[in-house]
mmCIF file of all heavy atoms, coordinates in Angstrom:
data_MODEL
# 
_entry.id   MODEL 
# 
loop_
_atom_site.group_PDB 
_atom_site.id 
_atom_site.type_symbol 
_atom_site.label_atom_id 
_atom_site.label_alt_id 
_atom_site.label_comp_id 
_atom_site.label_asym_id 
_atom_site.label_entity_id 
_atom_site.label_seq_id 
_atom_site.pdbx_PDB_ins_code 
_atom_site.Cartn_x 
_atom_site.Cartn_y 
_atom_site.Cartn_z 
_atom_site.occupancy 
_atom_site.B_iso_or_equiv 
_atom_site.pdbx_formal_charge 
_atom_site.auth_seq_id 
_atom_site.auth_comp_id 
_atom_site.auth_asym_id 
_atom_site.auth_atom_id 
_atom_site.pdbx_PDB_model_num 
ATOM 1   N N   . GLU A 1 1  ? 0.841  -1.241 -0.033  1.00 0.00 ? 1  GLU A N   1 
ATOM 2   C CA  . GLU A 1 1  ? 0.043  0.002  0.007   1.00 0.00 ? 1  GLU A CA  1 
ATOM 3   C C   . GLU A 1 1  ? 0.872  1.287  0.012   1.00 0.00 ? 1  GLU A C   1 
ATOM 4   O O   . GLU A 1 1  ? 0.640  2.210  -0.715  1.00 0.00 ? 1  GLU A O   1 
ATOM 5   C CB  . GLU A 1 1  ? -0.943 -0.029 1.244   1.00 0.00 ? 1  GLU A CB  1 
ATOM 6   C CG  . GLU A 1 1  ? -1.898 -1.176 1.207   1.00 0.00 ? 1  GLU A CG  1 
ATOM 7   C CD  . GLU A 1 1  ? -2.537 -1.379 2.527   1.00 0.00 ? 1  GLU A CD  1 
ATOM 8   O OE1 . GLU A 1 1  ? -2.122 -0.798 3.527   1.00 0.00 ? 1  GLU A OE1 1 
ATOM 9   O OE2 . GLU A 1 1  ? -3.542 -2.206 2.677   1.00 0.00 ? 1  GLU A OE2 1 
ATOM 10  N N   . ALA A 1 2  ? 1.868  1.276  0.855   1.00 0.00 ? 2  ALA A N   1 
ATOM 11  C CA  . ALA A 1 2  ? 2.781  2.446  0.920   1.00 0.00 ? 2  ALA A CA  1 
ATOM 12  C C   . ALA A 1 2  ? 3.496  2.662  -0.413  1.00 0.00 ? 2  ALA A C   1 
ATOM 13  O O   . ALA A 1 2  ? 3.598  3.791  -0.833  1.00 0.00 ? 2  ALA A O   1 
ATOM 14  C CB  . ALA A 1 2  ? 3.804  2.262  2.080   1.00 0.00 ? 2  ALA A CB  1 
ATOM 15  N N   . LEU A 1 3  ? 4.029  1.666  -1.046  1.00 0.00 ? 3  LEU A N   1 
ATOM 16  C CA  . LEU A 1 3  ? 4.775  1.744  -2.258  1.00 0.00 ? 3  LEU A CA  1 
ATOM 17  C C   . LEU A 1 3  ? 3.841  2.278  -3.380  1.00 0.00 ? 3  LEU A C   1 
ATOM 18  O O   . LEU A 1 3  ? 4.272  3.078  -4.252  1.00 0.00 ? 3  LEU A O   1 
ATOM 19  C CB  . LEU A 1 3  ? 5.502  0.474  -2.665  1.00 0.00 ? 3  LEU A CB  1 
ATOM 20  C CG  . LEU A 1 3  ? 6.633  0.071  -1.776  1.00 0.00 ? 3  LEU A CG  1 
ATOM 21  C CD1 . LEU A 1 3  ? 7.235  -1.302 -2.227  1.00 0.00 ? 3  LEU A CD1 1 
ATOM 22  C CD2 . LEU A 1 3  ? 7.779  1.135  -1.864  1.00 0.00 ? 3  LEU A CD2 1 
ATOM 23  N N   . ALA A 1 4  ? 2.691  1.727  -3.462  1.00 0.00 ? 4  ALA A N   1 
ATOM 24  C CA  . ALA A 1 4  ? 1.705  2.097  -4.460  1.00 0.00 ? 4  ALA A CA  1 
ATOM 25  C C   . ALA A 1 4  ? 1.365  3.530  -4.270  1.00 0.00 ? 4  ALA A C   1 
ATOM 26  O O   . ALA A 1 4  ? 1.312  4.305  -5.251  1.00 0.00 ? 4  ALA A O   1 
ATOM 27  C CB  . ALA A 1 4  ? 0.476  1.269  -4.457  1.00 0.00 ? 4  ALA A CB  1 
ATOM 28  N N   . GLY A 1 5  ? 1.126  3.961  -3.063  1.00 0.00 ? 5  GLY A N   1 
ATOM 29  C CA  . GLY A 1 5  ? 0.759  5.349  -2.794  1.00 0.00 ? 5  GLY A CA  1 
ATOM 30  C C   . GLY A 1 5  ? 1.947  6.264  -3.060  1.00 0.00 ? 5  GLY A C   1 
ATOM 31  O O   . GLY A 1 5  ? 1.705  7.348  -3.588  1.00 0.00 ? 5  GLY A O   1 
ATOM 32  N N   . PHE A 1 6  ? 3.110  5.824  -2.779  1.00 0.00 ? 6  PHE A N   1 
ATOM 33  C CA  . PHE A 1 6  ? 4.312  6.671  -3.007  1.00 0.00 ? 6  PHE A CA  1 
ATOM 34  C C   . PHE A 1 6  ? 4.549  6.761  -4.485  1.00 0.00 ? 6  PHE A C   1 
ATOM 35  O O   . PHE A 1 6  ? 4.866  7.871  -5.018  1.00 0.00 ? 6  PHE A O   1 
ATOM 36  C CB  . PHE A 1 6  ? 5.606  6.015  -2.402  1.00 0.00 ? 6  PHE A CB  1 
ATOM 37  C CG  . PHE A 1 6  ? 6.833  6.619  -2.724  1.00 0.00 ? 6  PHE A CG  1 
ATOM 38  C CD1 . PHE A 1 6  ? 7.232  7.914  -2.231  1.00 0.00 ? 6  PHE A CD1 1 
ATOM 39  C CD2 . PHE A 1 6  ? 7.777  6.074  -3.568  1.00 0.00 ? 6  PHE A CD2 1 
ATOM 40  C CE1 . PHE A 1 6  ? 8.398  8.585  -2.553  1.00 0.00 ? 6  PHE A CE1 1 
ATOM 41  C CE2 . PHE A 1 6  ? 8.939  6.643  -3.886  1.00 0.00 ? 6  PHE A CE2 1 
ATOM 42  C CZ  . PHE A 1 6  ? 9.213  7.890  -3.410  1.00 0.00 ? 6  PHE A CZ  1 
ATOM 43  N N   . ALA A 1 7  ? 4.402  5.741  -5.312  1.00 0.00 ? 7  ALA A N   1 
ATOM 44  C CA  . ALA A 1 7  ? 4.634  5.780  -6.660  1.00 0.00 ? 7  ALA A CA  1 
ATOM 45  C C   . ALA A 1 7  ? 3.642  6.752  -7.342  1.00 0.00 ? 7  ALA A C   1 
ATOM 46  O O   . ALA A 1 7  ? 3.997  7.614  -8.171  1.00 0.00 ? 7  ALA A O   1 
ATOM 47  C CB  . ALA A 1 7  ? 4.545  4.387  -7.302  1.00 0.00 ? 7  ALA A CB  1 
ATOM 48  N N   . LEU A 1 8  ? 2.323  6.637  -6.993  1.00 0.00 ? 8  LEU A N   1 
ATOM 49  C CA  . LEU A 1 8  ? 1.366  7.436  -7.535  1.00 0.00 ? 8  LEU A CA  1 
ATOM 50  C C   . LEU A 1 8  ? 1.521  8.935  -7.072  1.00 0.00 ? 8  LEU A C   1 
ATOM 51  O O   . LEU A 1 8  ? 1.376  9.857  -7.910  1.00 0.00 ? 8  LEU A O   1 
ATOM 52  C CB  . LEU A 1 8  ? -0.055 6.967  -7.093  1.00 0.00 ? 8  LEU A CB  1 
ATOM 53  C CG  . LEU A 1 8  ? -1.327 7.643  -7.782  1.00 0.00 ? 8  LEU A CG  1 
ATOM 54  C CD1 . LEU A 1 8  ? -1.243 7.540  -9.291  1.00 0.00 ? 8  LEU A CD1 1 
ATOM 55  C CD2 . LEU A 1 8  ? -2.603 6.987  -7.307  1.00 0.00 ? 8  LEU A CD2 1 
ATOM 56  N N   . GLY A 1 9  ? 1.792  9.117  -5.838  1.00 0.00 ? 9  GLY A N   1 
ATOM 57  C CA  . GLY A 1 9  ? 2.066  10.470 -5.305  1.00 0.00 ? 9  GLY A CA  1 
ATOM 58  C C   . GLY A 1 9  ? 3.245  11.088 -5.886  1.00 0.00 ? 9  GLY A C   1 
ATOM 59  O O   . GLY A 1 9  ? 3.235  12.309 -6.223  1.00 0.00 ? 9  GLY A O   1 
ATOM 60  N N   . THR A 1 10 ? 4.329  10.345 -6.183  1.00 0.00 ? 10 THR A N   1 
ATOM 61  C CA  . THR A 1 10 ? 5.457  10.909 -6.822  1.00 0.00 ? 10 THR A CA  1 
ATOM 62  C C   . THR A 1 10 ? 5.168  11.337 -8.266  1.00 0.00 ? 10 THR A C   1 
ATOM 63  O O   . THR A 1 10 ? 5.571  12.417 -8.685  1.00 0.00 ? 10 THR A O   1 
ATOM 64  C CB  . THR A 1 10 ? 6.662  9.913  -6.870  1.00 0.00 ? 10 THR A CB  1 
ATOM 65  O OG1 . THR A 1 10 ? 6.947  9.549  -5.507  1.00 0.00 ? 10 THR A OG1 1 
ATOM 66  C CG2 . THR A 1 10 ? 7.859  10.375 -7.594  1.00 0.00 ? 10 THR A CG2 1 
ATOM 67  N N   . ALA A 1 11 ? 4.538  10.542 -9.007  1.00 0.00 ? 11 ALA A N   1 
ATOM 68  C CA  . ALA A 1 11 ? 4.193  10.822 -10.416 1.00 0.00 ? 11 ALA A CA  1 
ATOM 69  C C   . ALA A 1 11 ? 3.295  12.029 -10.488 1.00 0.00 ? 11 ALA A C   1 
ATOM 70  O O   . ALA A 1 11 ? 3.613  13.078 -11.260 1.00 0.00 ? 11 ALA A O   1 
ATOM 71  C CB  . ALA A 1 11 ? 3.509  9.665  -11.114 1.00 0.00 ? 11 ALA A CB  1 
ATOM 72  N N   . LEU A 1 12 ? 2.278  12.151 -9.707  1.00 0.00 ? 12 LEU A N   1 
ATOM 73  C CA  . LEU A 1 12 ? 1.372  13.243 -9.710  1.00 0.00 ? 12 LEU A CA  1 
ATOM 74  C C   . LEU A 1 12 ? 1.970  14.514 -9.111  1.00 0.00 ? 12 LEU A C   1 
ATOM 75  O O   . LEU A 1 12 ? 1.786  15.609 -9.596  1.00 0.00 ? 12 LEU A O   1 
ATOM 76  C CB  . LEU A 1 12 ? 0.074  12.916 -8.934  1.00 0.00 ? 12 LEU A CB  1 
ATOM 77  C CG  . LEU A 1 12 ? -0.814 11.821 -9.576  1.00 0.00 ? 12 LEU A CG  1 
ATOM 78  C CD1 . LEU A 1 12 ? -2.071 11.595 -8.672  1.00 0.00 ? 12 LEU A CD1 1 
ATOM 79  C CD2 . LEU A 1 12 ? -1.294 12.181 -10.979 1.00 0.00 ? 12 LEU A CD2 1 
ATOM 80  N N   . GLY A 1 13 ? 2.812  14.323 -8.096  1.00 0.00 ? 13 GLY A N   1 
ATOM 81  C CA  . GLY A 1 13 ? 3.466  15.468 -7.481  1.00 0.00 ? 13 GLY A CA  1 
ATOM 82  C C   . GLY A 1 13 ? 4.488  16.147 -8.454  1.00 0.00 ? 13 GLY A C   1 
ATOM 83  O O   . GLY A 1 13 ? 4.487  17.370 -8.523  1.00 0.00 ? 13 GLY A O   1 
ATOM 84  N N   . ILE A 1 14 ? 5.259  15.359 -9.060  1.00 0.00 ? 14 ILE A N   1 
ATOM 85  C CA  . ILE A 1 14 ? 6.192  15.909 -9.996  1.00 0.00 ? 14 ILE A CA  1 
ATOM 86  C C   . ILE A 1 14 ? 5.505  16.582 -11.233 1.00 0.00 ? 14 ILE A C   1 
ATOM 87  O O   . ILE A 1 14 ? 5.880  17.704 -11.648 1.00 0.00 ? 14 ILE A O   1 
ATOM 88  C CB  . ILE A 1 14 ? 7.238  14.857 -10.531 1.00 0.00 ? 14 ILE A CB  1 
ATOM 89  C CG1 . ILE A 1 14 ? 8.074  14.350 -9.365  1.00 0.00 ? 14 ILE A CG1 1 
ATOM 90  C CG2 . ILE A 1 14 ? 8.078  15.407 -11.723 1.00 0.00 ? 14 ILE A CG2 1 
ATOM 91  C CD1 . ILE A 1 14 ? 9.052  13.263 -9.763  1.00 0.00 ? 14 ILE A CD1 1 
ATOM 92  N N   . LEU A 1 15 ? 4.479  15.926 -11.697 1.00 0.00 ? 15 LEU A N   1 
ATOM 93  C CA  . LEU A 1 15 ? 3.696  16.613 -12.786 1.00 0.00 ? 15 LEU A CA  1 
ATOM 94  C C   . LEU A 1 15 ? 3.090  17.796 -12.344 1.00 0.00 ? 15 LEU A C   1 
ATOM 95  O O   . LEU A 1 15 ? 3.118  18.834 -13.149 1.00 0.00 ? 15 LEU A O   1 
ATOM 96  C CB  . LEU A 1 15 ? 2.647  15.535 -13.242 1.00 0.00 ? 15 LEU A CB  1 
ATOM 97  C CG  . LEU A 1 15 ? 1.698  15.978 -14.330 1.00 0.00 ? 15 LEU A CG  1 
ATOM 98  C CD1 . LEU A 1 15 ? 2.498  16.364 -15.600 1.00 0.00 ? 15 LEU A CD1 1 
ATOM 99  C CD2 . LEU A 1 15 ? 0.633  14.942 -14.638 1.00 0.00 ? 15 LEU A CD2 1 
ATOM 100 N N   . CYS A 1 16 ? 2.390  17.860 -11.222 1.00 0.00 ? 16 CYS A N   1 
ATOM 101 C CA  . CYS A 1 16 ? 1.725  19.091 -10.676 1.00 0.00 ? 16 CYS A CA  1 
ATOM 102 C C   . CYS A 1 16 ? 2.727  20.165 -10.445 1.00 0.00 ? 16 CYS A C   1 
ATOM 103 O O   . CYS A 1 16 ? 2.508  21.351 -10.736 1.00 0.00 ? 16 CYS A O   1 
ATOM 104 C CB  . CYS A 1 16 ? 0.945  18.777 -9.439  1.00 0.00 ? 16 CYS A CB  1 
ATOM 105 S SG  . CYS A 1 16 ? -0.114 20.073 -8.890  1.00 0.00 ? 16 CYS A SG  1 
ATOM 106 N N   . GLY A 1 17 ? 3.968  19.827 -9.885  1.00 0.00 ? 17 GLY A N   1 
ATOM 107 C CA  . GLY A 1 17 ? 4.950  20.786 -9.638  1.00 0.00 ? 17 GLY A CA  1 
ATOM 108 C C   . GLY A 1 17 ? 5.463  21.362 -10.868 1.00 0.00 ? 17 GLY A C   1 
ATOM 109 O O   . GLY A 1 17 ? 5.682  22.641 -10.967 1.00 0.00 ? 17 GLY A O   1 
ATOM 110 N N   . ALA A 1 18 ? 5.615  20.590 -11.932 1.00 0.00 ? 18 ALA A N   1 
ATOM 111 C CA  . ALA A 1 18 ? 6.049  21.148 -13.247 1.00 0.00 ? 18 ALA A CA  1 
ATOM 112 C C   . ALA A 1 18 ? 4.999  22.091 -13.906 1.00 0.00 ? 18 ALA A C   1 
ATOM 113 O O   . ALA A 1 18 ? 5.292  23.122 -14.385 1.00 0.00 ? 18 ALA A O   1 
ATOM 114 C CB  . ALA A 1 18 ? 6.367  19.987 -14.235 1.00 0.00 ? 18 ALA A CB  1 
ATOM 115 N N   . VAL A 1 19 ? 3.729  21.698 -13.747 1.00 0.00 ? 19 VAL A N   1 
ATOM 116 C CA  . VAL A 1 19 ? 2.684  22.498 -14.298 1.00 0.00 ? 19 VAL A CA  1 
ATOM 117 C C   . VAL A 1 19 ? 2.614  23.848 -13.506 1.00 0.00 ? 19 VAL A C   1 
ATOM 118 O O   . VAL A 1 19 ? 2.500  24.889 -14.191 1.00 0.00 ? 19 VAL A O   1 
ATOM 119 C CB  . VAL A 1 19 ? 1.287  21.885 -14.174 1.00 0.00 ? 19 VAL A CB  1 
ATOM 120 C CG1 . VAL A 1 19 ? 0.119  22.711 -14.472 1.00 0.00 ? 19 VAL A CG1 1 
ATOM 121 C CG2 . VAL A 1 19 ? 1.288  20.573 -15.088 1.00 0.00 ? 19 VAL A CG2 1 
ATOM 122 N N   . LEU A 1 20 ? 2.746  23.839 -12.222 1.00 0.00 ? 20 LEU A N   1 
ATOM 123 C CA  . LEU A 1 20 ? 2.802  25.085 -11.435 1.00 0.00 ? 20 LEU A CA  1 
ATOM 124 C C   . LEU A 1 20 ? 3.986  26.032 -11.898 1.00 0.00 ? 20 LEU A C   1 
ATOM 125 O O   . LEU A 1 20 ? 3.781  27.207 -11.973 1.00 0.00 ? 20 LEU A O   1 
ATOM 126 C CB  . LEU A 1 20 ? 2.951  24.756 -9.957  1.00 0.00 ? 20 LEU A CB  1 
ATOM 127 C CG  . LEU A 1 20 ? 1.727  24.102 -9.309  1.00 0.00 ? 20 LEU A CG  1 
ATOM 128 C CD1 . LEU A 1 20 ? 2.058  23.797 -7.778  1.00 0.00 ? 20 LEU A CD1 1 
ATOM 129 C CD2 . LEU A 1 20 ? 0.516  25.080 -9.382  1.00 0.00 ? 20 LEU A CD2 1 
ATOM 130 N N   . HIS A 1 21 ? 5.121  25.363 -12.237 1.00 0.00 ? 21 HIS A N   1 
ATOM 131 C CA  . HIS A 1 21 ? 6.291  26.246 -12.628 1.00 0.00 ? 21 HIS A CA  1 
ATOM 132 C C   . HIS A 1 21 ? 6.108  26.777 -14.047 1.00 0.00 ? 21 HIS A C   1 
ATOM 133 O O   . HIS A 1 21 ? 6.396  27.964 -14.279 1.00 0.00 ? 21 HIS A O   1 
ATOM 134 C CB  . HIS A 1 21 ? 7.511  25.374 -12.601 1.00 0.00 ? 21 HIS A CB  1 
ATOM 135 C CG  . HIS A 1 21 ? 8.751  26.021 -13.118 1.00 0.00 ? 21 HIS A CG  1 
ATOM 136 N ND1 . HIS A 1 21 ? 9.388  27.110 -12.496 1.00 0.00 ? 21 HIS A ND1 1 
ATOM 137 C CD2 . HIS A 1 21 ? 9.473  25.818 -14.297 1.00 0.00 ? 21 HIS A CD2 1 
ATOM 138 C CE1 . HIS A 1 21 ? 10.375 27.452 -13.234 1.00 0.00 ? 21 HIS A CE1 1 
ATOM 139 N NE2 . HIS A 1 21 ? 10.443 26.734 -14.344 1.00 0.00 ? 21 HIS A NE2 1 
ATOM 140 N N   . TYR A 1 22 ? 5.616  25.934 -14.975 1.00 0.00 ? 22 TYR A N   1 
ATOM 141 C CA  . TYR A 1 22 ? 5.657  26.360 -16.338 1.00 0.00 ? 22 TYR A CA  1 
ATOM 142 C C   . TYR A 1 22 ? 4.341  27.059 -16.793 1.00 0.00 ? 22 TYR A C   1 
ATOM 143 O O   . TYR A 1 22 ? 4.334  27.672 -17.885 1.00 0.00 ? 22 TYR A O   1 
ATOM 144 C CB  . TYR A 1 22 ? 5.846  25.117 -17.277 1.00 0.00 ? 22 TYR A CB  1 
ATOM 145 C CG  . TYR A 1 22 ? 7.257  24.559 -17.259 1.00 0.00 ? 22 TYR A CG  1 
ATOM 146 C CD1 . TYR A 1 22 ? 7.469  23.320 -16.591 1.00 0.00 ? 22 TYR A CD1 1 
ATOM 147 C CD2 . TYR A 1 22 ? 8.316  25.261 -17.751 1.00 0.00 ? 22 TYR A CD2 1 
ATOM 148 C CE1 . TYR A 1 22 ? 8.740  22.767 -16.465 1.00 0.00 ? 22 TYR A CE1 1 
ATOM 149 C CE2 . TYR A 1 22 ? 9.626  24.763 -17.635 1.00 0.00 ? 22 TYR A CE2 1 
ATOM 150 C CZ  . TYR A 1 22 ? 9.812  23.504 -17.047 1.00 0.00 ? 22 TYR A CZ  1 
ATOM 151 O OH  . TYR A 1 22 ? 11.125 22.974 -16.966 1.00 0.00 ? 22 TYR A OH  1 
ATOM 152 N N   . SER A 1 23 ? 3.348  27.183 -15.886 1.00 0.00 ? 23 SER A N   1 
ATOM 153 C CA  . SER A 1 23 ? 2.138  27.811 -16.273 1.00 0.00 ? 23 SER A CA  1 
ATOM 154 C C   . SER A 1 23 ? 1.697  28.819 -15.130 1.00 0.00 ? 23 SER A C   1 
ATOM 155 O O   . SER A 1 23 ? 1.078  28.352 -14.171 1.00 0.00 ? 23 SER A O   1 
ATOM 156 C CB  . SER A 1 23 ? 0.999  26.798 -16.463 1.00 0.00 ? 23 SER A CB  1 
ATOM 157 O OG  . SER A 1 23 ? -0.238 27.452 -16.763 1.00 0.00 ? 23 SER A OG  1 
ATOM 158 N N   . PRO A 1 24 ? 2.157  30.081 -15.256 1.00 0.00 ? 24 PRO A N   1 
ATOM 159 C CA  . PRO A 1 24 ? 1.828  31.031 -14.204 1.00 0.00 ? 24 PRO A CA  1 
ATOM 160 C C   . PRO A 1 24 ? 0.317  31.155 -14.006 1.00 0.00 ? 24 PRO A C   1 
ATOM 161 O O   . PRO A 1 24 ? -0.140 31.447 -12.949 1.00 0.00 ? 24 PRO A O   1 
ATOM 162 C CB  . PRO A 1 24 ? 2.466  32.303 -14.781 1.00 0.00 ? 24 PRO A CB  1 
ATOM 163 C CG  . PRO A 1 24 ? 3.527  31.942 -15.701 1.00 0.00 ? 24 PRO A CG  1 
ATOM 164 C CD  . PRO A 1 24 ? 3.064  30.623 -16.330 1.00 0.00 ? 24 PRO A CD  1 
# 
């Protein structure tokens, strides 16, 4: 459960962080 949540959270977190940076 922890690894699945971490993998999904990492993918979505990096994607969301990139969107925040590149789209004011």
